[in-house]
């Protein structure tokens, strides 16, 4: 596992590349490289040549434009010289050398941090500030992931409610991977919350499905009340994945009478798949 250390003691990153997948991005390459190096150092690594016997890593930072439009919907119309712009960054860290011990071979050899920054900027502004901030935040995302990988189950459950959305997102991921039964209540709360944490709803739904808790069907169904299709659609397929008579009845009702056609079609499709799985289980082999 990566551990903090000075440059001489830290594992070396022997290759660091910052690249843009979108040629229209305009930023300072040297400044972006410096920001990537700083992000690497936060992980307890150092960008330097390797010494004999050291475990070596390589890192790729990729930046891309997410969007460019007049304004975020909630901000209304912007002046003609302003535009909403988003830049995404991913920090992909891989171990070059495989560990020699069998137990170590089971450890993750690749880590990925992701982030995006969006704000209203001048139409003719370059992307330097957005790119540098996105790179820094991708490093913070990876720091959060590594910290939570080593955390106790109790810390993971508590972090689901963390106001830091990066930490909360990583906690949900860990709750799913560990199948933490104690995470049921905070995961349900995330799905039911119509507030600013909406981008956490989809991973929380996935974590609830992984728990295989029979209570999840009712909780997910309740969470669809007065919610837009973007929330209802993933819940439809999650309920179908869990299965059961309650799920079948609800999917039939939604497929028959929901006011949104896309939602109705999704419910019908999910119900057909659920019934097919049930029949396959009931048929003698």
Protein backbone atom coordinates (compact mmCIF):
# COMPACT_ATOMS: atom_id res chain seq x y z
CA UNK A 1 0.00 0.00 0.00
CA UNK A 2 1.14 3.53 -0.65
CA UNK A 3 2.42 5.32 2.42
CA UNK A 4 3.54 8.92 2.92
CA UNK A 5 7.27 9.54 2.90
CA UNK A 6 10.01 11.89 1.83
CA UNK A 7 11.18 11.90 -1.77
CA UNK A 8 14.15 9.65 -1.05
CA UNK A 9 12.11 7.01 0.83
CA UNK A 10 8.87 7.13 -1.19
CA UNK A 11 8.22 4.66 -3.98
CA UNK A 12 9.31 6.19 -7.29
CA UNK A 13 7.06 7.17 -10.18
CA UNK A 14 9.45 6.55 -13.04
CA UNK A 15 7.12 7.90 -15.74
CA UNK A 16 4.59 10.72 -15.45
CA UNK A 17 2.64 11.91 -18.46
CA UNK A 18 0.06 14.68 -18.66
CA UNK A 19 -1.98 14.55 -21.83
CA UNK A 20 -5.10 16.18 -23.20
CA UNK A 21 -7.65 14.08 -25.06
CA UNK A 22 -9.21 17.26 -26.42
CA UNK A 23 -6.91 19.31 -28.67
CA UNK A 24 -9.05 22.42 -28.10
CA UNK A 25 -8.01 22.65 -24.45
CA UNK A 26 -5.70 25.60 -23.91
CA UNK A 27 -3.50 25.40 -20.81
CA UNK A 28 0.07 25.70 -19.59
CA UNK A 29 1.67 22.25 -20.00
CA UNK A 30 4.50 23.01 -17.55
CA UNK A 31 2.07 24.22 -14.87
CA UNK A 32 -0.15 21.16 -15.40
CA UNK A 33 2.90 18.90 -15.02
CA UNK A 34 3.88 20.65 -11.78
CA UNK A 35 0.34 20.18 -10.45
CA UNK A 36 0.44 16.48 -11.38
CA UNK A 37 3.75 16.08 -9.54
CA UNK A 38 2.23 17.71 -6.48
CA UNK A 39 -0.72 15.31 -6.66
CA UNK A 40 1.69 12.36 -6.84
CA UNK A 41 3.55 13.58 -3.76
CA UNK A 42 0.28 13.69 -1.81
CA UNK A 43 0.04 9.95 -2.45
CA UNK A 44 3.37 9.36 -0.74
CA UNK A 45 5.20 8.80 -4.03
CA UNK A 46 8.00 10.73 -5.69
CA UNK A 47 8.61 11.43 -9.37
CA UNK A 48 12.23 10.34 -9.70
CA UNK A 49 14.40 7.56 -11.15
CA UNK A 50 14.18 4.22 -9.37
CA UNK A 51 16.93 2.70 -7.30
CA UNK A 52 17.74 -1.04 -7.44
CA UNK A 53 15.06 -3.13 -5.74
CA UNK A 54 12.46 -0.36 -5.46
CA UNK A 55 8.86 -0.89 -6.48
CA UNK A 56 8.21 1.34 -9.48
CA UNK A 57 5.06 3.11 -10.58
CA UNK A 58 3.91 5.01 -13.63
CA UNK A 59 1.22 7.65 -13.82
CA UNK A 60 -0.87 9.17 -16.58
CA UNK A 61 -2.96 12.28 -16.07
CA UNK A 62 -5.55 12.87 -18.76
CA UNK A 63 -7.57 16.05 -19.05
CA UNK A 64 -10.62 16.59 -21.23
CA UNK A 65 -13.38 19.11 -21.76
CA UNK A 66 -16.70 17.99 -20.30
CA UNK A 67 -18.94 20.67 -21.73
CA UNK A 68 -19.25 24.22 -22.90
CA UNK A 69 -22.64 25.89 -22.77
CA UNK A 70 -24.31 29.13 -21.92
CA UNK A 71 -24.93 28.47 -18.24
CA UNK A 72 -25.85 25.89 -15.69
CA UNK A 73 -29.65 25.51 -15.69
CA UNK A 74 -30.01 26.87 -12.16
CA UNK A 75 -27.97 29.98 -12.94
CA UNK A 76 -30.14 31.31 -15.73
CA UNK A 77 -28.88 33.24 -18.72
CA UNK A 78 -25.30 34.50 -18.66
CA UNK A 79 -23.90 37.65 -20.27
CA UNK A 80 -22.79 37.16 -23.85
CA UNK A 81 -19.12 37.21 -22.84
CA UNK A 82 -19.46 34.38 -20.26
CA UNK A 83 -19.80 30.61 -20.69
CA UNK A 84 -20.14 27.58 -18.41
CA UNK A 85 -17.14 25.32 -18.91
CA UNK A 86 -16.22 21.97 -17.33
CA UNK A 87 -12.88 20.20 -17.39
CA UNK A 88 -12.38 16.60 -16.26
CA UNK A 89 -9.14 15.01 -15.10
CA UNK A 90 -8.21 11.41 -14.36
CA UNK A 91 -5.07 10.27 -12.56
CA UNK A 92 -4.26 6.70 -13.55
CA UNK A 93 -1.58 5.12 -11.34
CA UNK A 94 -0.15 1.69 -12.11
CA UNK A 95 2.52 -0.43 -10.49
CA UNK A 96 5.17 -1.47 -13.01
CA UNK A 97 6.45 -4.32 -10.84
CA UNK A 98 4.26 -7.13 -9.56
CA UNK A 99 4.81 -8.12 -5.91
CA UNK A 100 6.70 -11.35 -5.42
CA UNK A 101 4.54 -12.75 -2.57
CA UNK A 102 1.29 -14.57 -3.45
CA UNK A 103 -0.76 -12.40 -1.09
CA UNK A 104 0.56 -9.26 -2.71
CA UNK A 105 -0.51 -10.48 -6.13
CA UNK A 106 -4.11 -10.18 -4.97
CA UNK A 107 -3.66 -6.51 -4.09
CA UNK A 108 -4.81 -3.82 -6.48
CA UNK A 109 -2.05 -2.86 -8.88
CA UNK A 110 -3.91 0.06 -10.40
CA UNK A 111 -5.59 3.06 -8.85
CA UNK A 112 -7.65 5.75 -10.52
CA UNK A 113 -8.64 9.18 -9.28
CA UNK A 114 -11.27 11.24 -11.09
CA UNK A 115 -12.54 14.78 -10.82
CA UNK A 116 -14.06 17.62 -12.77
CA UNK A 117 -14.19 21.35 -12.25
CA UNK A 118 -16.86 23.60 -13.70
CA UNK A 119 -17.44 27.33 -13.52
CA UNK A 120 -18.59 30.33 -15.50
CA UNK A 121 -15.62 31.84 -17.34
CA UNK A 122 -14.97 34.38 -20.02
CA UNK A 123 -15.66 33.17 -23.54
CA UNK A 124 -12.07 33.84 -24.57
CA UNK A 125 -10.40 32.64 -21.35
CA UNK A 126 -8.00 29.71 -21.61
CA UNK A 127 -8.48 26.54 -19.58
CA UNK A 128 -5.36 26.77 -17.43
CA UNK A 129 -7.02 27.37 -14.07
CA UNK A 130 -9.69 24.71 -14.64
CA UNK A 131 -7.14 22.12 -15.79
CA UNK A 132 -4.83 22.69 -12.84
CA UNK A 133 -7.66 22.54 -10.31
CA UNK A 134 -9.08 19.39 -11.91
CA UNK A 135 -5.67 17.67 -11.75
CA UNK A 136 -5.29 18.61 -8.10
CA UNK A 137 -8.75 17.31 -7.28
CA UNK A 138 -8.13 14.01 -9.11
CA UNK A 139 -5.17 13.53 -6.80
CA UNK A 140 -7.36 14.30 -3.79
CA UNK A 141 -9.87 11.74 -5.04
CA UNK A 142 -7.14 9.11 -5.14
CA UNK A 143 -5.92 10.06 -1.67
CA UNK A 144 -9.48 9.60 -0.40
CA UNK A 145 -9.73 6.19 -2.07
CA UNK A 146 -6.48 4.92 -0.58
CA UNK A 147 -7.35 6.20 2.89
CA UNK A 148 -10.75 4.52 2.87
CA UNK A 149 -9.36 1.24 1.56
CA UNK A 150 -7.51 0.93 4.87
CA UNK A 151 -10.32 2.29 7.06
CA UNK A 152 -12.50 0.24 9.42
CA UNK A 153 -16.06 -0.69 8.51
CA UNK A 154 -17.36 1.83 11.06
CA UNK A 155 -15.36 4.64 9.44
CA UNK A 156 -16.69 3.65 6.00
CA UNK A 157 -20.31 3.76 7.19
CA UNK A 158 -19.83 7.16 8.85
CA UNK A 159 -18.11 8.59 5.76
CA UNK A 160 -21.19 7.98 3.60
CA UNK A 161 -22.69 11.07 5.29
CA UNK A 162 -19.50 13.12 4.92
CA UNK A 163 -20.10 16.61 3.48
CA UNK A 164 -16.99 16.07 1.34
CA UNK A 165 -18.61 14.49 -1.70
CA UNK A 166 -15.37 12.85 -2.88
CA UNK A 167 -15.01 11.08 0.46
CA UNK A 168 -18.70 10.16 0.54
CA UNK A 169 -18.49 8.71 -2.97
CA UNK A 170 -15.47 6.58 -2.10
CA UNK A 171 -17.18 5.39 1.09
CA UNK A 172 -20.19 4.22 -0.92
CA UNK A 173 -17.82 2.35 -3.23
CA UNK A 174 -16.18 0.63 -0.27
CA UNK A 175 -19.55 -0.19 1.29
CA UNK A 176 -20.53 -1.93 -1.94
CA UNK A 177 -17.26 -3.85 -2.22
CA UNK A 178 -17.35 -4.98 1.42
CA UNK A 179 -21.13 -5.50 1.39
CA UNK A 180 -21.47 -3.68 4.70
CA UNK A 181 -24.86 -4.45 6.21
CA UNK A 182 -24.40 -1.52 8.60
CA UNK A 183 -24.36 0.83 5.61
CA UNK A 184 -28.00 0.11 4.75
CA UNK A 185 -29.56 3.13 6.50
CA UNK A 186 -27.13 5.81 5.23
CA UNK A 187 -27.32 4.39 1.71
CA UNK A 188 -31.11 4.59 1.76
CA UNK A 189 -30.81 8.17 3.00
CA UNK A 190 -28.59 9.06 0.04
CA UNK A 191 -31.07 7.63 -2.44
CA UNK A 192 -34.00 9.41 -0.79
CA UNK A 193 -32.27 12.81 -0.58
CA UNK A 194 -33.33 15.22 -3.37
CA UNK A 195 -30.61 17.69 -2.35
CA UNK A 196 -27.18 18.51 -3.77
CA UNK A 197 -25.79 14.96 -3.45
CA UNK A 198 -27.79 13.64 -6.40
CA UNK A 199 -24.73 12.33 -8.25
CA UNK A 200 -24.25 9.89 -5.35
CA UNK A 201 -27.66 8.29 -5.91
CA UNK A 202 -26.62 5.87 -8.66
CA UNK A 203 -23.64 4.39 -6.76
CA UNK A 204 -25.75 4.21 -3.59
CA UNK A 205 -28.39 2.23 -5.48
CA UNK A 206 -25.69 -0.16 -6.68
CA UNK A 207 -24.42 -0.59 -3.14
CA UNK A 208 -27.92 -1.37 -1.86
CA UNK A 209 -28.34 -4.05 -4.50
CA UNK A 210 -25.00 -5.56 -3.47
CA UNK A 211 -26.14 -5.78 0.16
CA UNK A 212 -28.98 -8.14 -0.83
CA UNK A 213 -31.05 -6.75 2.04
CA UNK A 214 -34.74 -7.66 1.55
CA UNK A 215 -35.77 -4.26 2.95
CA UNK A 216 -34.11 -2.48 0.04
CA UNK A 217 -36.99 -3.08 -2.37
CA UNK A 218 -39.48 -1.09 -0.28
CA UNK A 219 -36.94 1.65 0.44
CA UNK A 220 -36.05 2.06 -3.23
CA UNK A 221 -39.69 2.12 -4.31
CA UNK A 222 -40.45 4.80 -1.70
CA UNK A 223 -37.53 6.85 -3.00
CA UNK A 224 -39.15 7.19 -6.44
CA UNK A 225 -42.12 9.21 -5.22
CA UNK A 226 -42.23 12.63 -6.88
CA UNK A 227 -38.78 12.10 -8.36
CA UNK A 228 -37.69 12.81 -11.96
CA UNK A 229 -37.06 10.01 -14.47
CA UNK A 230 -33.26 10.39 -14.09
CA UNK A 231 -33.68 9.06 -10.54
CA UNK A 232 -36.49 6.60 -11.20
CA UNK A 233 -34.82 4.78 -14.10
CA UNK A 234 -31.83 3.30 -12.21
CA UNK A 235 -34.12 2.37 -9.33
CA UNK A 236 -36.32 0.41 -11.72
CA UNK A 237 -33.46 -1.83 -12.77
CA UNK A 238 -32.16 -2.10 -9.20
CA UNK A 239 -35.57 -3.29 -7.97
CA UNK A 240 -35.69 -5.80 -10.81
CA UNK A 241 -32.23 -7.04 -9.88
CA UNK A 242 -33.32 -7.63 -6.27
CA UNK A 243 -36.49 -9.36 -7.44
CA UNK A 244 -39.40 -10.73 -5.46
CA UNK A 245 -43.17 -10.37 -5.59
CA UNK A 246 -43.14 -6.78 -4.36
CA UNK A 247 -40.73 -5.87 -7.13
CA UNK A 248 -42.87 -7.56 -9.78
CA UNK A 249 -46.04 -5.83 -8.61
CA UNK A 250 -44.42 -2.41 -8.54
CA UNK A 251 -42.80 -2.82 -11.95
CA UNK A 252 -46.15 -3.86 -13.42
CA UNK A 253 -47.82 -0.79 -11.93
CA UNK A 254 -45.12 1.57 -13.19
CA UNK A 255 -45.08 -0.05 -16.61
CA UNK A 256 -48.84 0.34 -16.89
CA UNK A 257 -49.46 3.82 -15.56
CA UNK A 258 -46.41 6.03 -15.11
CA UNK A 259 -46.87 9.37 -16.91
CA UNK A 260 -43.38 9.24 -18.47
CA UNK A 261 -43.10 6.96 -21.50
CA UNK A 262 -39.37 6.25 -20.98
CA UNK A 263 -40.07 5.16 -17.42
CA UNK A 264 -42.98 2.94 -18.51
CA UNK A 265 -40.85 1.27 -21.19
CA UNK A 266 -37.99 0.70 -18.74
CA UNK A 267 -40.33 -0.85 -16.18
CA UNK A 268 -41.79 -3.22 -18.79
CA UNK A 269 -38.32 -4.25 -19.91
CA UNK A 270 -37.15 -4.78 -16.33
CA UNK A 271 -40.26 -6.79 -15.46
CA UNK A 272 -39.79 -9.06 -18.48
CA UNK A 273 -36.19 -9.73 -17.45
CA UNK A 274 -37.20 -10.37 -13.84
CA UNK A 275 -39.93 -12.82 -14.85
CA UNK A 276 -37.53 -14.59 -17.21
CA UNK A 277 -35.00 -15.07 -14.41
CA UNK A 278 -37.70 -16.35 -12.08
CA UNK A 279 -38.95 -18.88 -14.63
CA UNK A 280 -35.42 -20.13 -15.22
CA UNK A 281 -35.00 -20.74 -11.50
CA UNK A 282 -38.34 -22.53 -11.22
CA UNK A 283 -37.80 -24.82 -14.21
CA UNK A 284 -36.38 -28.23 -13.26
CA UNK A 285 -32.96 -29.03 -14.59
